[in-house]
mmCIF file of all heavy atoms, coordinates in Angstrom:
data_MODEL
# 
_entry.id   MODEL 
# 
loop_
_atom_site.group_PDB 
_atom_site.id 
_atom_site.type_symbol 
_atom_site.label_atom_id 
_atom_site.label_alt_id 
_atom_site.label_comp_id 
_atom_site.label_asym_id 
_atom_site.label_entity_id 
_atom_site.label_seq_id 
_atom_site.pdbx_PDB_ins_code 
_atom_site.Cartn_x 
_atom_site.Cartn_y 
_atom_site.Cartn_z 
_atom_site.occupancy 
_atom_site.B_iso_or_equiv 
_atom_site.pdbx_formal_charge 
_atom_site.auth_seq_id 
_atom_site.auth_comp_id 
_atom_site.auth_asym_id 
_atom_site.auth_atom_id 
_atom_site.pdbx_PDB_model_num 
ATOM 1   N N   . ASP A 1 1  ? 169.290 85.281  51.659 1.00 0.00 ? 1  ASP A N   1 
ATOM 2   C CA  . ASP A 1 1  ? 168.913 85.547  53.050 1.00 0.00 ? 1  ASP A CA  1 
ATOM 3   C C   . ASP A 1 1  ? 168.128 86.861  53.129 1.00 0.00 ? 1  ASP A C   1 
ATOM 4   O O   . ASP A 1 1  ? 168.674 87.926  52.817 1.00 0.00 ? 1  ASP A O   1 
ATOM 5   C CB  . ASP A 1 1  ? 170.180 85.628  53.905 1.00 0.00 ? 1  ASP A CB  1 
ATOM 6   C CG  . ASP A 1 1  ? 169.898 85.921  55.370 1.00 0.00 ? 1  ASP A CG  1 
ATOM 7   O OD1 . ASP A 1 1  ? 168.726 85.834  55.793 1.00 0.00 ? 1  ASP A OD1 1 
ATOM 8   O OD2 . ASP A 1 1  ? 170.854 86.236  56.092 1.00 0.00 ? 1  ASP A OD2 1 
ATOM 9   N N   . PRO A 1 2  ? 166.871 86.807  53.558 1.00 0.00 ? 2  PRO A N   1 
ATOM 10  C CA  . PRO A 1 2  ? 166.076 88.044  53.607 1.00 0.00 ? 2  PRO A CA  1 
ATOM 11  C C   . PRO A 1 2  ? 166.640 89.080  54.577 1.00 0.00 ? 2  PRO A C   1 
ATOM 12  O O   . PRO A 1 2  ? 166.519 90.280  54.337 1.00 0.00 ? 2  PRO A O   1 
ATOM 13  C CB  . PRO A 1 2  ? 164.678 87.585  54.017 1.00 0.00 ? 2  PRO A CB  1 
ATOM 14  C CG  . PRO A 1 2  ? 164.841 86.216  54.553 1.00 0.00 ? 2  PRO A CG  1 
ATOM 15  C CD  . PRO A 1 2  ? 166.088 85.646  53.967 1.00 0.00 ? 2  PRO A CD  1 
ATOM 16  N N   . ALA A 1 3  ? 167.266 88.644  55.654 1.00 0.00 ? 3  ALA A N   1 
ATOM 17  C CA  . ALA A 1 3  ? 167.851 89.590  56.601 1.00 0.00 ? 3  ALA A CA  1 
ATOM 18  C C   . ALA A 1 3  ? 169.025 90.328  55.950 1.00 0.00 ? 3  ALA A C   1 
ATOM 19  O O   . ALA A 1 3  ? 169.225 91.519  56.189 1.00 0.00 ? 3  ALA A O   1 
ATOM 20  C CB  . ALA A 1 3  ? 168.303 88.878  57.869 1.00 0.00 ? 3  ALA A CB  1 
ATOM 21  N N   . ALA A 1 4  ? 169.800 89.633  55.126 1.00 0.00 ? 4  ALA A N   1 
ATOM 22  C CA  . ALA A 1 4  ? 170.919 90.271  54.412 1.00 0.00 ? 4  ALA A CA  1 
ATOM 23  C C   . ALA A 1 4  ? 170.387 91.313  53.440 1.00 0.00 ? 4  ALA A C   1 
ATOM 24  O O   . ALA A 1 4  ? 170.973 92.394  53.304 1.00 0.00 ? 4  ALA A O   1 
ATOM 25  C CB  . ALA A 1 4  ? 171.749 89.224  53.673 1.00 0.00 ? 4  ALA A CB  1 
ATOM 26  N N   . ARG A 1 5  ? 169.272 90.998  52.766 1.00 0.00 ? 5  ARG A N   1 
ATOM 27  C CA  . ARG A 1 5  ? 168.669 91.965  51.848 1.00 0.00 ? 5  ARG A CA  1 
ATOM 28  C C   . ARG A 1 5  ? 168.213 93.211  52.601 1.00 0.00 ? 5  ARG A C   1 
ATOM 29  O O   . ARG A 1 5  ? 168.450 94.340  52.179 1.00 0.00 ? 5  ARG A O   1 
ATOM 30  C CB  . ARG A 1 5  ? 167.489 91.344  51.097 1.00 0.00 ? 5  ARG A CB  1 
ATOM 31  C CG  . ARG A 1 5  ? 167.879 90.258  50.135 1.00 0.00 ? 5  ARG A CG  1 
ATOM 32  C CD  . ARG A 1 5  ? 166.746 89.857  49.225 1.00 0.00 ? 5  ARG A CD  1 
ATOM 33  N NE  . ARG A 1 5  ? 165.527 89.421  49.882 1.00 0.00 ? 5  ARG A NE  1 
ATOM 34  C CZ  . ARG A 1 5  ? 165.234 88.157  50.184 1.00 0.00 ? 5  ARG A CZ  1 
ATOM 35  N NH1 . ARG A 1 5  ? 166.084 87.191  49.879 1.00 0.00 ? 5  ARG A NH1 1 
ATOM 36  N NH2 . ARG A 1 5  ? 164.098 87.861  50.765 1.00 0.00 ? 5  ARG A NH2 1 
ATOM 37  N N   . ALA A 1 6  ? 167.559 92.992  53.751 1.00 0.00 ? 6  ALA A N   1 
ATOM 38  C CA  . ALA A 1 6  ? 167.049 94.117  54.541 1.00 0.00 ? 6  ALA A CA  1 
ATOM 39  C C   . ALA A 1 6  ? 168.192 94.969  55.077 1.00 0.00 ? 6  ALA A C   1 
ATOM 40  O O   . ALA A 1 6  ? 168.125 96.203  55.048 1.00 0.00 ? 6  ALA A O   1 
ATOM 41  C CB  . ALA A 1 6  ? 166.193 93.596  55.693 1.00 0.00 ? 6  ALA A CB  1 
ATOM 42  N N   . LEU A 1 7  ? 169.250 94.333  55.541 1.00 0.00 ? 7  LEU A N   1 
ATOM 43  C CA  . LEU A 1 7  ? 170.383 95.075  56.067 1.00 0.00 ? 7  LEU A CA  1 
ATOM 44  C C   . LEU A 1 7  ? 171.069 95.883  54.971 1.00 0.00 ? 7  LEU A C   1 
ATOM 45  O O   . LEU A 1 7  ? 171.447 97.040  55.179 1.00 0.00 ? 7  LEU A O   1 
ATOM 46  C CB  . LEU A 1 7  ? 171.370 94.122  56.730 1.00 0.00 ? 7  LEU A CB  1 
ATOM 47  C CG  . LEU A 1 7  ? 172.441 94.750  57.608 1.00 0.00 ? 7  LEU A CG  1 
ATOM 48  C CD1 . LEU A 1 7  ? 171.837 95.647  58.680 1.00 0.00 ? 7  LEU A CD1 1 
ATOM 49  C CD2 . LEU A 1 7  ? 173.295 93.676  58.235 1.00 0.00 ? 7  LEU A CD2 1 
ATOM 50  N N   . ALA A 1 8  ? 171.197 95.287  53.790 1.00 0.00 ? 8  ALA A N   1 
ATOM 51  C CA  . ALA A 1 8  ? 171.791 96.013  52.654 1.00 0.00 ? 8  ALA A CA  1 
ATOM 52  C C   . ALA A 1 8  ? 170.936 97.236  52.317 1.00 0.00 ? 8  ALA A C   1 
ATOM 53  O O   . ALA A 1 8  ? 171.469 98.320  52.044 1.00 0.00 ? 8  ALA A O   1 
ATOM 54  C CB  . ALA A 1 8  ? 171.937 95.098  51.446 1.00 0.00 ? 8  ALA A CB  1 
ATOM 55  N N   . ALA A 1 9  ? 169.615 97.075  52.345 1.00 0.00 ? 9  ALA A N   1 
ATOM 56  C CA  . ALA A 1 9  ? 168.730 98.209  52.065 1.00 0.00 ? 9  ALA A CA  1 
ATOM 57  C C   . ALA A 1 9  ? 168.916 99.304  53.111 1.00 0.00 ? 9  ALA A C   1 
ATOM 58  O O   . ALA A 1 9  ? 168.943 100.493 52.771 1.00 0.00 ? 9  ALA A O   1 
ATOM 59  C CB  . ALA A 1 9  ? 167.277 97.742  52.026 1.00 0.00 ? 9  ALA A CB  1 
ATOM 60  N N   . CYS A 1 10 ? 169.076 98.910  54.370 1.00 0.00 ? 10 CYS A N   1 
ATOM 61  C CA  . CYS A 1 10 ? 169.303 99.896  55.434 1.00 0.00 ? 10 CYS A CA  1 
ATOM 62  C C   . CYS A 1 10 ? 170.629 100.617 55.246 1.00 0.00 ? 10 CYS A C   1 
ATOM 63  O O   . CYS A 1 10 ? 170.713 101.828 55.408 1.00 0.00 ? 10 CYS A O   1 
ATOM 64  C CB  . CYS A 1 10 ? 169.249 99.220  56.795 1.00 0.00 ? 10 CYS A CB  1 
ATOM 65  S SG  . CYS A 1 10 ? 167.603 98.656  57.252 1.00 0.00 ? 10 CYS A SG  1 
ATOM 66  N N   . TYR A 1 11 ? 171.671 99.860  54.922 1.00 0.00 ? 11 TYR A N   1 
ATOM 67  C CA  . TYR A 1 11 ? 172.982 100.476 54.673 1.00 0.00 ? 11 TYR A CA  1 
ATOM 68  C C   . TYR A 1 11 ? 172.874 101.491 53.543 1.00 0.00 ? 11 TYR A C   1 
ATOM 69  O O   . TYR A 1 11 ? 173.365 102.603 53.655 1.00 0.00 ? 11 TYR A O   1 
ATOM 70  C CB  . TYR A 1 11 ? 174.010 99.424  54.271 1.00 0.00 ? 11 TYR A CB  1 
ATOM 71  C CG  . TYR A 1 11 ? 174.593 98.611  55.401 1.00 0.00 ? 11 TYR A CG  1 
ATOM 72  C CD1 . TYR A 1 11 ? 174.993 97.299  55.170 1.00 0.00 ? 11 TYR A CD1 1 
ATOM 73  C CD2 . TYR A 1 11 ? 174.773 99.123  56.675 1.00 0.00 ? 11 TYR A CD2 1 
ATOM 74  C CE1 . TYR A 1 11 ? 175.555 96.537  56.175 1.00 0.00 ? 11 TYR A CE1 1 
ATOM 75  C CE2 . TYR A 1 11 ? 175.329 98.362  57.681 1.00 0.00 ? 11 TYR A CE2 1 
ATOM 76  C CZ  . TYR A 1 11 ? 175.721 97.077  57.432 1.00 0.00 ? 11 TYR A CZ  1 
ATOM 77  O OH  . TYR A 1 11 ? 176.273 96.334  58.425 1.00 0.00 ? 11 TYR A OH  1 
ATOM 78  N N   . LEU A 1 12 ? 172.241 101.088 52.451 1.00 0.00 ? 12 LEU A N   1 
ATOM 79  C CA  . LEU A 1 12 ? 172.123 101.977 51.293 1.00 0.00 ? 12 LEU A CA  1 
ATOM 80  C C   . LEU A 1 12 ? 171.311 103.214 51.640 1.00 0.00 ? 12 LEU A C   1 
ATOM 81  O O   . LEU A 1 12 ? 171.632 104.323 51.220 1.00 0.00 ? 12 LEU A O   1 
ATOM 82  C CB  . LEU A 1 12 ? 171.516 101.228 50.105 1.00 0.00 ? 12 LEU A CB  1 
ATOM 83  C CG  . LEU A 1 12 ? 172.447 100.184 49.485 1.00 0.00 ? 12 LEU A CG  1 
ATOM 84  C CD1 . LEU A 1 12 ? 171.666 99.219  48.615 1.00 0.00 ? 12 LEU A CD1 1 
ATOM 85  C CD2 . LEU A 1 12 ? 173.565 100.857 48.696 1.00 0.00 ? 12 LEU A CD2 1 
ATOM 86  N N   . GLY A 1 13 ? 170.258 103.029 52.423 1.00 0.00 ? 13 GLY A N   1 
ATOM 87  C CA  . GLY A 1 13 ? 169.459 104.168 52.853 1.00 0.00 ? 13 GLY A CA  1 
ATOM 88  C C   . GLY A 1 13 ? 170.275 105.141 53.681 1.00 0.00 ? 13 GLY A C   1 
ATOM 89  O O   . GLY A 1 13 ? 170.128 106.360 53.566 1.00 0.00 ? 13 GLY A O   1 
ATOM 90  N N   . GLY A 1 14 ? 171.170 104.613 54.507 1.00 0.00 ? 14 GLY A N   1 
ATOM 91  C CA  . GLY A 1 14 ? 172.029 105.451 55.326 1.00 0.00 ? 14 GLY A CA  1 
ATOM 92  C C   . GLY A 1 14 ? 173.062 106.211 54.519 1.00 0.00 ? 14 GLY A C   1 
ATOM 93  O O   . GLY A 1 14 ? 173.590 107.227 54.970 1.00 0.00 ? 14 GLY A O   1 
ATOM 94  N N   . MET A 1 15 ? 173.357 105.722 53.324 1.00 0.00 ? 15 MET A N   1 
ATOM 95  C CA  . MET A 1 15 ? 174.340 106.393 52.468 1.00 0.00 ? 15 MET A CA  1 
ATOM 96  C C   . MET A 1 15 ? 173.733 107.586 51.745 1.00 0.00 ? 15 MET A C   1 
ATOM 97  O O   . MET A 1 15 ? 174.449 108.411 51.177 1.00 0.00 ? 15 MET A O   1 
ATOM 98  C CB  . MET A 1 15 ? 174.908 105.413 51.440 1.00 0.00 ? 15 MET A CB  1 
ATOM 99  C CG  . MET A 1 15 ? 175.783 104.362 52.041 1.00 0.00 ? 15 MET A CG  1 
ATOM 100 S SD  . MET A 1 15 ? 176.347 103.243 50.745 1.00 0.00 ? 15 MET A SD  1 
ATOM 101 C CE  . MET A 1 15 ? 177.048 101.931 51.716 1.00 0.00 ? 15 MET A CE  1 
ATOM 102 N N   . GLY A 1 16 ? 172.411 107.664 51.741 1.00 0.00 ? 16 GLY A N   1 
ATOM 103 C CA  . GLY A 1 16 ? 171.740 108.796 51.122 1.00 0.00 ? 16 GLY A CA  1 
ATOM 104 C C   . GLY A 1 16 ? 172.000 108.907 49.636 1.00 0.00 ? 16 GLY A C   1 
ATOM 105 O O   . GLY A 1 16 ? 172.073 107.905 48.920 1.00 0.00 ? 16 GLY A O   1 
ATOM 106 N N   . GLY A 1 17 ? 172.166 110.128 49.166 1.00 0.00 ? 17 GLY A N   1 
ATOM 107 C CA  . GLY A 1 17 ? 172.338 110.412 47.743 1.00 0.00 ? 17 GLY A CA  1 
ATOM 108 C C   . GLY A 1 17 ? 173.560 109.765 47.125 1.00 0.00 ? 17 GLY A C   1 
ATOM 109 O O   . GLY A 1 17 ? 173.617 109.561 45.912 1.00 0.00 ? 17 GLY A O   1 
ATOM 110 N N   . ARG A 1 18 ? 174.554 109.424 47.957 1.00 0.00 ? 18 ARG A N   1 
ATOM 111 C CA  . ARG A 1 18 ? 175.750 108.769 47.421 1.00 0.00 ? 18 ARG A CA  1 
ATOM 112 C C   . ARG A 1 18 ? 175.415 107.404 46.834 1.00 0.00 ? 18 ARG A C   1 
ATOM 113 O O   . ARG A 1 18 ? 176.149 106.883 46.010 1.00 0.00 ? 18 ARG A O   1 
ATOM 114 C CB  . ARG A 1 18 ? 176.796 108.614 48.521 1.00 0.00 ? 18 ARG A CB  1 
ATOM 115 C CG  . ARG A 1 18 ? 177.295 109.950 49.054 1.00 0.00 ? 18 ARG A CG  1 
ATOM 116 C CD  . ARG A 1 18 ? 178.282 109.728 50.173 1.00 0.00 ? 18 ARG A CD  1 
ATOM 117 N NE  . ARG A 1 18 ? 177.722 108.892 51.228 1.00 0.00 ? 18 ARG A NE  1 
ATOM 118 C CZ  . ARG A 1 18 ? 177.401 109.302 52.439 1.00 0.00 ? 18 ARG A CZ  1 
ATOM 119 N NH1 . ARG A 1 18 ? 177.582 110.552 52.763 1.00 0.00 ? 18 ARG A NH1 1 
ATOM 120 N NH2 . ARG A 1 18 ? 176.894 108.483 53.332 1.00 0.00 ? 18 ARG A NH2 1 
ATOM 121 N N   . ALA A 1 19 ? 174.289 106.821 47.269 1.00 0.00 ? 19 ALA A N   1 
ATOM 122 C CA  . ALA A 1 19 ? 173.892 105.494 46.803 1.00 0.00 ? 19 ALA A CA  1 
ATOM 123 C C   . ALA A 1 19 ? 172.754 105.567 45.794 1.00 0.00 ? 19 ALA A C   1 
ATOM 124 O O   . ALA A 1 19 ? 171.979 104.625 45.656 1.00 0.00 ? 19 ALA A O   1 
ATOM 125 C CB  . ALA A 1 19 ? 173.489 104.629 47.991 1.00 0.00 ? 19 ALA A CB  1 
ATOM 126 N N   . SER A 1 20 ? 172.650 106.650 45.065 1.00 0.00 ? 20 SER A N   1 
ATOM 127 C CA  . SER A 1 20 ? 171.537 106.822 44.120 1.00 0.00 ? 20 SER A CA  1 
ATOM 128 C C   . SER A 1 20 ? 171.511 105.725 43.052 1.00 0.00 ? 20 SER A C   1 
ATOM 129 O O   . SER A 1 20 ? 170.448 105.418 42.508 1.00 0.00 ? 20 SER A O   1 
ATOM 130 C CB  . SER A 1 20 ? 171.587 108.203 43.471 1.00 0.00 ? 20 SER A CB  1 
ATOM 131 O OG  . SER A 1 20 ? 172.793 108.362 42.743 1.00 0.00 ? 20 SER A OG  1 
ATOM 132 N N   . ALA A 1 21 ? 172.641 105.100 42.779 1.00 0.00 ? 21 ALA A N   1 
ATOM 133 C CA  . ALA A 1 21 ? 172.679 104.009 41.802 1.00 0.00 ? 21 ALA A CA  1 
ATOM 134 C C   . ALA A 1 21 ? 171.874 102.806 42.279 1.00 0.00 ? 21 ALA A C   1 
ATOM 135 O O   . ALA A 1 21 ? 171.493 101.946 41.477 1.00 0.00 ? 21 ALA A O   1 
ATOM 136 C CB  . ALA A 1 21 ? 174.123 103.585 41.542 1.00 0.00 ? 21 ALA A CB  1 
ATOM 137 N N   . ALA A 1 22 ? 171.554 102.744 43.568 1.00 0.00 ? 22 ALA A N   1 
ATOM 138 C CA  . ALA A 1 22 ? 170.824 101.615 44.130 1.00 0.00 ? 22 ALA A CA  1 
ATOM 139 C C   . ALA A 1 22 ? 169.310 101.744 43.971 1.00 0.00 ? 22 ALA A C   1 
ATOM 140 O O   . ALA A 1 22 ? 168.589 100.778 44.218 1.00 0.00 ? 22 ALA A O   1 
ATOM 141 C CB  . ALA A 1 22 ? 171.157 101.467 45.607 1.00 0.00 ? 22 ALA A CB  1 
ATOM 142 N N   . VAL A 1 23 ? 168.830 102.896 43.556 1.00 0.00 ? 23 VAL A N   1 
ATOM 143 C CA  . VAL A 1 23 ? 167.375 103.134 43.512 1.00 0.00 ? 23 VAL A CA  1 
ATOM 144 C C   . VAL A 1 23 ? 166.623 102.071 42.708 1.00 0.00 ? 23 VAL A C   1 
ATOM 145 O O   . VAL A 1 23 ? 165.634 101.519 43.198 1.00 0.00 ? 23 VAL A O   1 
ATOM 146 C CB  . VAL A 1 23 ? 167.062 104.567 43.027 1.00 0.00 ? 23 VAL A CB  1 
ATOM 147 C CG1 . VAL A 1 23 ? 165.585 104.747 42.746 1.00 0.00 ? 23 VAL A CG1 1 
ATOM 148 C CG2 . VAL A 1 23 ? 167.552 105.579 44.053 1.00 0.00 ? 23 VAL A CG2 1 
ATOM 149 N N   . PRO A 1 24 ? 167.044 101.704 41.487 1.00 0.00 ? 24 PRO A N   1 
ATOM 150 C CA  . PRO A 1 24 ? 166.285 100.675 40.753 1.00 0.00 ? 24 PRO A CA  1 
ATOM 151 C C   . PRO A 1 24 ? 166.220 99.339  41.497 1.00 0.00 ? 24 PRO A C   1 
ATOM 152 O O   . PRO A 1 24 ? 165.168 98.701  41.550 1.00 0.00 ? 24 PRO A O   1 
ATOM 153 C CB  . PRO A 1 24 ? 167.045 100.532 39.427 1.00 0.00 ? 24 PRO A CB  1 
ATOM 154 C CG  . PRO A 1 24 ? 167.767 101.826 39.256 1.00 0.00 ? 24 PRO A CG  1 
ATOM 155 C CD  . PRO A 1 24 ? 168.118 102.268 40.649 1.00 0.00 ? 24 PRO A CD  1 
ATOM 156 N N   . ALA A 1 25 ? 167.324 98.933  42.114 1.00 0.00 ? 25 ALA A N   1 
ATOM 157 C CA  . ALA A 1 25 ? 167.335 97.667  42.855 1.00 0.00 ? 25 ALA A CA  1 
ATOM 158 C C   . ALA A 1 25 ? 166.467 97.769  44.106 1.00 0.00 ? 25 ALA A C   1 
ATOM 159 O O   . ALA A 1 25 ? 165.785 96.805  44.473 1.00 0.00 ? 25 ALA A O   1 
ATOM 160 C CB  . ALA A 1 25 ? 168.764 97.287  43.225 1.00 0.00 ? 25 ALA A CB  1 
ATOM 161 N N   . LEU A 1 26 ? 166.465 98.918  44.745 1.00 0.00 ? 26 LEU A N   1 
ATOM 162 C CA  . LEU A 1 26 ? 165.621 99.109  45.926 1.00 0.00 ? 26 LEU A CA  1 
ATOM 163 C C   . LEU A 1 26 ? 164.146 99.106  45.551 1.00 0.00 ? 26 LEU A C   1 
ATOM 164 O O   . LEU A 1 26 ? 163.318 98.567  46.284 1.00 0.00 ? 26 LEU A O   1 
ATOM 165 C CB  . LEU A 1 26 ? 165.994 100.408 46.637 1.00 0.00 ? 26 LEU A CB  1 
ATOM 166 C CG  . LEU A 1 26 ? 167.337 100.387 47.374 1.00 0.00 ? 26 LEU A CG  1 
ATOM 167 C CD1 . LEU A 1 26 ? 167.754 101.803 47.756 1.00 0.00 ? 26 LEU A CD1 1 
ATOM 168 C CD2 . LEU A 1 26 ? 167.266 99.496  48.586 1.00 0.00 ? 26 LEU A CD2 1 
ATOM 169 N N   . VAL A 1 27 ? 163.810 99.676  44.417 1.00 0.00 ? 27 VAL A N   1 
ATOM 170 C CA  . VAL A 1 27 ? 162.419 99.671  43.955 1.00 0.00 ? 27 VAL A CA  1 
ATOM 171 C C   . VAL A 1 27 ? 161.961 98.231  43.710 1.00 0.00 ? 27 VAL A C   1 
ATOM 172 O O   . VAL A 1 27 ? 160.858 97.842  44.094 1.00 0.00 ? 27 VAL A O   1 
ATOM 173 C CB  . VAL A 1 27 ? 162.248 100.551 42.696 1.00 0.00 ? 27 VAL A CB  1 
ATOM 174 C CG1 . VAL A 1 27 ? 160.896 100.341 42.053 1.00 0.00 ? 27 VAL A CG1 1 
ATOM 175 C CG2 . VAL A 1 27 ? 162.459 102.014 43.051 1.00 0.00 ? 27 VAL A CG2 1 
# 
């Protein structure tokens, strides 16, 4: 679901540096 992907990206962005492990997946 593309909306689920977008929402997950927004959540991770809101977590800031605590979610640095997500950077490769976000790229």
